[in-house]
Amino acid sequence: RDEIRKYAQINQIEFREDSSNASTKYLRNKLRHHILPLFRQENQQFEDVMMRNIKNLKMAQDFIETSLEKSREEIVSKRDQEVLQINLEKLRSKKAYLFVLYNILEEFNFTFDTTISLSDKNIITGKQFFSSTHEALIDRGQLLIRKRRMLFSKEVLIHELGEYEFDSNIIKIDAQIKKLPFGASKYLEQFDRDKLKFPLKLRKWTNGDRMIPLGMKTSKLVSDMLTDAKLSKFEKEKTLVIESNGIIVWLVGQRISELVKITPQTNNIISVSLSSKT
């Protein structure tokens, strides 16, 4: 303030001071008028010492932020567009892993108590935790984080070729002339058109669902197929199926049914693809 006043005098600028600066009912003024003068009496270099401490603290802060960013790059990755993944083994190899974890989770509104629980070495797969905005899941040595989900639509009926929306997904049905290479994309499959009965139904899978997977002669529980594929609880929750006449013909992203596969006798082919809205 003294420097500002001196600058104003030299440059002939009228100096005005906020009247509230003199009132000690504000904490900042109590410190300025009563507390700081006491420190100056004890140590004439008080300002110099404090400025040096502030610089040291700023350097320490920069060092901590750089270290945290490096740790984040080493242990955090994206599982998919919605899910963040933290490698717990790599996390626990850090000396201050609890501090590192809290600085990551704080962004998603998890408390420090939740951070302590999530860092427990004996925590079991499937354990879930919730913040006001996100949910966390322990899954085979990984900590998965995603936004808390809204309720899904129940189903979409597909009456003909074209594009349809289902929550955050777009499903596209096209006629094809030739068969695509096997495994072109797990979210793109081809079917014998004459073995399907429209309307098709796109919905979330439910417990008790069964289908005859490609290459098998008997049906299998969808829940067992998802377990065999080692999907996390988050991944299972968003898995969809397509039905034809009440029969599941595609466990989306996993397997089609033996009943609708393309054979040398197939005359009409359709492709079905699922993608996220951009």
Protein backbone atom coordinates (compact mmCIF):
# COMPACT_ATOMS: atom_id res chain seq x y z
CA ARG A 1 0.00 0.00 0.00
CA ASP A 2 2.84 2.40 0.83
CA GLU A 3 4.36 1.74 -2.60
CA ILE A 4 1.04 2.51 -4.28
CA ARG A 5 0.65 5.73 -2.30
CA LYS A 6 4.21 6.81 -3.24
CA TYR A 7 3.57 6.02 -6.93
CA ALA A 8 0.38 8.12 -6.83
CA GLN A 9 2.22 11.07 -5.29
CA ILE A 10 5.02 10.97 -7.85
CA ASN A 11 2.58 10.81 -10.74
CA GLN A 12 0.16 13.30 -9.20
CA ILE A 13 -2.67 10.77 -9.07
CA GLU A 14 -5.37 11.29 -6.49
CA PHE A 15 -5.17 8.45 -3.99
CA ARG A 16 -8.36 7.09 -2.51
CA GLU A 17 -8.52 4.43 0.15
CA ASP A 18 -11.50 2.22 0.82
CA SER A 19 -12.89 3.16 4.22
CA SER A 20 -13.41 -0.53 5.05
CA ASN A 21 -9.63 -0.97 5.14
CA ALA A 22 -9.55 0.78 8.51
CA SER A 23 -12.27 -1.32 10.10
CA THR A 24 -11.06 -4.14 12.33
CA LYS A 25 -14.34 -6.01 12.08
CA TYR A 26 -12.82 -7.69 9.02
CA LEU A 27 -10.27 -10.43 9.70
CA ARG A 28 -7.83 -9.13 7.07
CA ASN A 29 -7.66 -5.80 8.84
CA LYS A 30 -7.21 -7.36 12.27
CA LEU A 31 -4.19 -9.17 10.90
CA ARG A 32 -2.84 -6.08 9.17
CA HIS A 33 -3.32 -3.61 12.04
CA HIS A 34 -2.80 -5.76 15.13
CA ILE A 35 -1.11 -9.11 14.41
CA LEU A 36 1.50 -8.27 11.76
CA PRO A 37 2.95 -5.32 13.73
CA LEU A 38 3.67 -7.72 16.61
CA PHE A 39 5.64 -10.02 14.29
CA ARG A 40 7.60 -7.03 12.97
CA GLN A 41 8.53 -6.03 16.51
CA GLU A 42 9.93 -9.50 17.15
CA ASN A 43 11.74 -9.77 13.83
CA GLN A 44 12.58 -6.78 11.65
CA GLN A 45 13.16 -9.10 8.68
CA PHE A 46 9.67 -10.55 9.03
CA GLU A 47 8.53 -9.47 5.54
CA ASP A 48 11.71 -10.82 3.92
CA VAL A 49 11.37 -14.15 5.75
CA MET A 50 7.71 -14.47 4.79
CA MET A 51 8.40 -13.68 1.14
CA ARG A 52 11.14 -16.31 1.11
CA ASN A 53 8.76 -18.84 2.71
CA ILE A 54 6.08 -18.05 0.16
CA LYS A 55 8.53 -18.63 -2.68
CA ASN A 56 9.63 -21.93 -1.10
CA LEU A 57 6.02 -23.02 -0.69
CA LYS A 58 5.28 -22.12 -4.31
CA MET A 59 8.24 -24.24 -5.47
CA ALA A 60 7.05 -27.10 -3.26
CA GLN A 61 3.56 -26.78 -4.73
CA ASP A 62 4.95 -26.88 -8.28
CA PHE A 63 7.01 -29.96 -7.40
CA ILE A 64 3.99 -31.75 -5.88
CA GLU A 65 1.76 -30.93 -8.86
CA THR A 66 4.41 -32.19 -11.30
CA SER A 67 4.84 -35.40 -9.29
CA LEU A 68 1.08 -35.93 -9.12
CA GLU A 69 0.72 -35.46 -12.86
CA LYS A 70 3.51 -37.98 -13.50
CA SER A 71 1.86 -40.50 -11.16
CA ARG A 72 -1.48 -39.95 -12.85
CA GLU A 73 0.03 -40.68 -16.26
CA GLU A 74 1.53 -43.92 -14.91
CA ILE A 75 -1.56 -45.33 -13.18
CA VAL A 76 -4.62 -43.81 -14.88
CA SER A 77 -5.99 -44.75 -18.29
CA LYS A 78 -9.30 -44.75 -20.14
CA ARG A 79 -11.14 -48.07 -20.21
CA ASP A 80 -13.62 -46.68 -22.74
CA GLN A 81 -15.37 -43.39 -23.46
CA GLU A 82 -17.20 -43.45 -20.13
CA VAL A 83 -14.90 -45.23 -17.70
CA LEU A 84 -11.62 -44.14 -16.13
CA GLN A 85 -9.33 -46.93 -14.91
CA ILE A 86 -6.73 -46.83 -12.09
CA ASN A 87 -4.18 -49.62 -11.79
CA LEU A 88 -4.19 -50.41 -8.05
CA GLU A 89 -0.92 -52.35 -8.08
CA LYS A 90 0.94 -49.43 -9.65
CA LEU A 91 -0.85 -47.01 -7.31
CA ARG A 92 0.24 -48.90 -4.19
CA SER A 93 3.86 -48.89 -5.38
CA LYS A 94 3.89 -45.14 -4.79
CA LYS A 95 5.28 -43.95 -1.44
CA ALA A 96 2.42 -41.51 -0.83
CA TYR A 97 -0.22 -43.53 -2.70
CA LEU A 98 -3.08 -42.42 -0.44
CA PHE A 99 -2.27 -38.77 -1.19
CA VAL A 100 -2.00 -39.55 -4.91
CA LEU A 101 -5.33 -41.40 -4.93
CA TYR A 102 -7.16 -38.67 -3.02
CA ASN A 103 -5.94 -36.01 -5.45
CA ILE A 104 -7.37 -38.08 -8.31
CA LEU A 105 -10.67 -38.93 -6.60
CA GLU A 106 -11.28 -35.43 -5.26
CA GLU A 107 -12.03 -34.36 -8.84
CA PHE A 108 -14.96 -36.80 -8.82
CA ASN A 109 -16.27 -35.62 -5.41
CA PHE A 110 -15.21 -38.66 -3.38
CA THR A 111 -14.42 -38.00 0.28
CA PHE A 112 -11.14 -38.74 2.03
CA ASP A 113 -12.85 -41.51 4.04
CA THR A 114 -13.91 -43.17 0.78
CA THR A 115 -10.35 -42.81 -0.50
CA ILE A 116 -9.08 -44.70 2.56
CA SER A 117 -11.60 -47.50 1.94
CA LEU A 118 -10.72 -47.73 -1.75
CA SER A 119 -7.00 -47.97 -0.98
CA ASP A 120 -7.47 -51.02 1.28
CA LYS A 121 -5.29 -53.87 -0.03
CA ASN A 122 -7.90 -56.44 1.05
CA ILE A 123 -10.84 -54.85 -0.76
CA ILE A 124 -12.74 -57.36 -2.90
CA THR A 125 -13.77 -57.28 -6.56
CA GLY A 126 -17.30 -55.97 -7.04
CA LYS A 127 -17.20 -53.48 -4.16
CA GLN A 128 -18.82 -50.17 -5.14
CA PHE A 129 -18.62 -46.63 -3.76
CA PHE A 130 -20.64 -43.53 -4.65
CA SER A 131 -20.06 -39.79 -4.60
CA SER A 132 -22.68 -37.17 -5.44
CA THR A 133 -21.72 -37.35 -9.12
CA HIS A 134 -19.73 -40.55 -9.73
CA GLU A 135 -19.47 -44.22 -8.82
CA ALA A 136 -16.35 -46.33 -8.31
CA LEU A 137 -15.99 -50.09 -8.75
CA ILE A 138 -13.21 -52.49 -7.75
CA ASP A 139 -12.64 -54.92 -10.63
CA ARG A 140 -9.77 -57.44 -10.62
CA GLY A 141 -7.00 -55.11 -9.48
CA GLN A 142 -8.45 -52.05 -11.19
CA LEU A 143 -10.44 -49.15 -9.81
CA LEU A 144 -13.06 -48.06 -12.36
CA ILE A 145 -14.74 -44.65 -12.17
CA ARG A 146 -17.66 -43.32 -14.18
CA LYS A 147 -20.46 -40.77 -13.89
CA ARG A 148 -23.54 -42.00 -12.05
CA ARG A 149 -25.92 -43.27 -14.67
CA MET A 150 -29.44 -42.17 -15.50
CA LEU A 151 -32.16 -44.76 -16.11
CA PHE A 152 -31.94 -46.49 -19.49
CA SER A 153 -34.71 -46.71 -22.02
CA LYS A 154 -36.42 -50.10 -21.82
CA GLU A 155 -36.31 -51.07 -25.50
CA VAL A 156 -36.37 -49.93 -29.11
CA LEU A 157 -38.32 -51.67 -31.85
CA ILE A 158 -36.62 -51.86 -35.25
CA HIS A 159 -39.23 -52.20 -38.00
CA GLU A 160 -37.05 -51.80 -41.09
CA LEU A 161 -33.62 -50.85 -42.40
CA GLY A 162 -32.29 -47.50 -41.19
CA GLU A 163 -30.89 -45.75 -38.11
CA TYR A 164 -32.34 -45.85 -34.61
CA GLU A 165 -31.35 -44.22 -31.30
CA PHE A 166 -31.15 -46.00 -27.96
CA ASP A 167 -29.95 -43.80 -25.09
CA SER A 168 -26.38 -42.78 -26.04
CA ASN A 169 -26.17 -45.31 -28.89
CA ILE A 170 -27.02 -45.35 -32.58
CA ILE A 171 -27.96 -48.65 -34.19
CA LYS A 172 -27.80 -48.92 -37.96
CA ILE A 173 -29.36 -51.66 -40.12
CA ASP A 174 -28.13 -51.96 -43.71
CA ALA A 175 -28.57 -54.39 -46.61
CA GLN A 176 -25.28 -55.98 -47.75
CA ILE A 177 -24.16 -57.58 -50.98
CA LYS A 178 -21.24 -59.60 -49.68
CA LYS A 179 -20.02 -61.03 -46.42
CA LEU A 180 -17.52 -58.96 -44.47
CA PRO A 181 -14.26 -60.43 -43.10
CA PHE A 182 -14.74 -62.24 -39.79
CA GLY A 183 -14.12 -60.06 -36.73
CA ALA A 184 -14.14 -56.74 -38.62
CA SER A 185 -15.59 -55.10 -35.50
CA LYS A 186 -17.23 -56.51 -32.40
CA TYR A 187 -19.95 -53.89 -32.78
CA LEU A 188 -20.66 -54.80 -36.40
CA GLU A 189 -22.27 -58.12 -37.31
CA GLN A 190 -23.96 -59.65 -40.34
CA PHE A 191 -27.02 -61.89 -40.39
CA ASP A 192 -29.00 -64.04 -42.79
CA ARG A 193 -31.89 -61.67 -43.52
CA ASP A 194 -34.35 -64.49 -44.25
CA LYS A 195 -33.79 -65.99 -40.79
CA LEU A 196 -34.84 -62.78 -39.03
CA LYS A 197 -38.36 -61.66 -38.30
CA PHE A 198 -39.06 -57.95 -37.96
CA PRO A 199 -39.59 -55.95 -35.86
CA LEU A 200 -36.30 -56.61 -34.08
CA LYS A 201 -36.03 -55.52 -30.48
CA LEU A 202 -32.97 -53.82 -28.94
CA ARG A 203 -32.89 -53.92 -25.14
CA LYS A 204 -30.65 -54.34 -22.12
CA TRP A 205 -29.94 -57.97 -21.20
CA THR A 206 -31.62 -59.36 -18.07
CA ASN A 207 -30.96 -62.26 -15.74
CA GLY A 208 -32.37 -65.47 -17.20
CA ASP A 209 -31.72 -64.49 -20.83
CA ARG A 210 -30.45 -67.39 -22.95
CA MET A 211 -29.19 -67.74 -26.51
CA ILE A 212 -27.53 -70.31 -28.76
CA PRO A 213 -24.07 -68.82 -29.41
CA LEU A 214 -22.43 -69.19 -32.81
CA GLY A 215 -20.82 -72.61 -33.09
CA MET A 216 -22.98 -74.23 -30.37
CA LYS A 217 -26.03 -76.48 -30.55
CA THR A 218 -27.52 -75.74 -27.13
CA SER A 219 -28.43 -72.51 -25.38
CA LYS A 220 -26.32 -70.76 -22.78
CA LEU A 221 -27.13 -68.15 -20.15
CA VAL A 222 -26.17 -64.65 -21.22
CA SER A 223 -24.95 -63.99 -17.67
CA ASP A 224 -22.48 -66.90 -18.02
CA MET A 225 -21.28 -65.60 -21.39
CA LEU A 226 -20.56 -62.17 -19.87
CA THR A 227 -18.73 -63.76 -16.96
CA ASP A 228 -16.66 -65.88 -19.36
CA ALA A 229 -15.77 -62.69 -21.25
CA LYS A 230 -14.50 -61.22 -17.93
CA LEU A 231 -16.56 -58.06 -18.25
CA SER A 232 -16.69 -55.66 -15.30
CA LYS A 233 -19.97 -54.87 -13.59
CA PHE A 234 -20.00 -51.51 -15.39
CA GLU A 235 -19.55 -53.21 -18.77
CA LYS A 236 -22.23 -55.79 -17.99
CA GLU A 237 -24.70 -53.08 -17.03
CA LYS A 238 -24.57 -51.45 -20.47
CA THR A 239 -24.52 -54.66 -22.54
CA LEU A 240 -27.44 -54.95 -24.97
CA VAL A 241 -29.15 -57.75 -26.86
CA ILE A 242 -31.15 -57.86 -30.09
CA GLU A 243 -34.17 -60.14 -30.32
CA SER A 244 -35.97 -61.53 -33.33
CA ASN A 245 -39.39 -63.03 -32.63
CA GLY A 246 -38.49 -63.37 -28.93
CA ILE A 247 -35.15 -65.10 -29.62
CA ILE A 248 -31.83 -63.39 -28.86
CA VAL A 249 -29.85 -63.21 -32.10
CA TRP A 250 -27.00 -60.94 -30.95
CA LEU A 251 -25.37 -60.36 -27.62
CA VAL A 252 -24.00 -57.00 -28.75
CA GLY A 253 -20.24 -56.81 -28.74
CA GLN A 254 -19.88 -60.52 -27.91
CA ARG A 255 -21.58 -63.23 -30.02
CA ILE A 256 -24.33 -63.70 -32.60
CA SER A 257 -26.69 -66.67 -32.53
CA GLU A 258 -26.06 -69.89 -34.42
CA LEU A 259 -29.66 -69.60 -35.65
CA VAL A 260 -29.04 -66.53 -37.85
CA LYS A 261 -25.54 -67.13 -39.16
CA ILE A 262 -24.65 -66.69 -42.81
CA THR A 263 -24.20 -69.94 -44.78
CA PRO A 264 -23.43 -70.80 -48.42
CA GLN A 265 -27.20 -70.97 -48.92
CA THR A 266 -27.76 -67.39 -47.69
CA ASN A 267 -29.35 -65.14 -50.32
CA ASN A 268 -29.91 -61.91 -48.38
CA ILE A 269 -27.46 -60.36 -45.92
CA ILE A 270 -28.03 -57.47 -43.54
CA SER A 271 -25.47 -55.80 -41.31
CA VAL A 272 -26.23 -54.38 -37.87
CA SER A 273 -23.85 -51.93 -36.20
CA LEU A 274 -23.87 -50.14 -32.87
CA SER A 275 -21.97 -46.92 -32.19
CA SER A 276 -21.93 -44.14 -29.61
CA LYS A 277 -23.39 -40.74 -30.35
CA THR A 278 -20.68 -38.18 -31.07
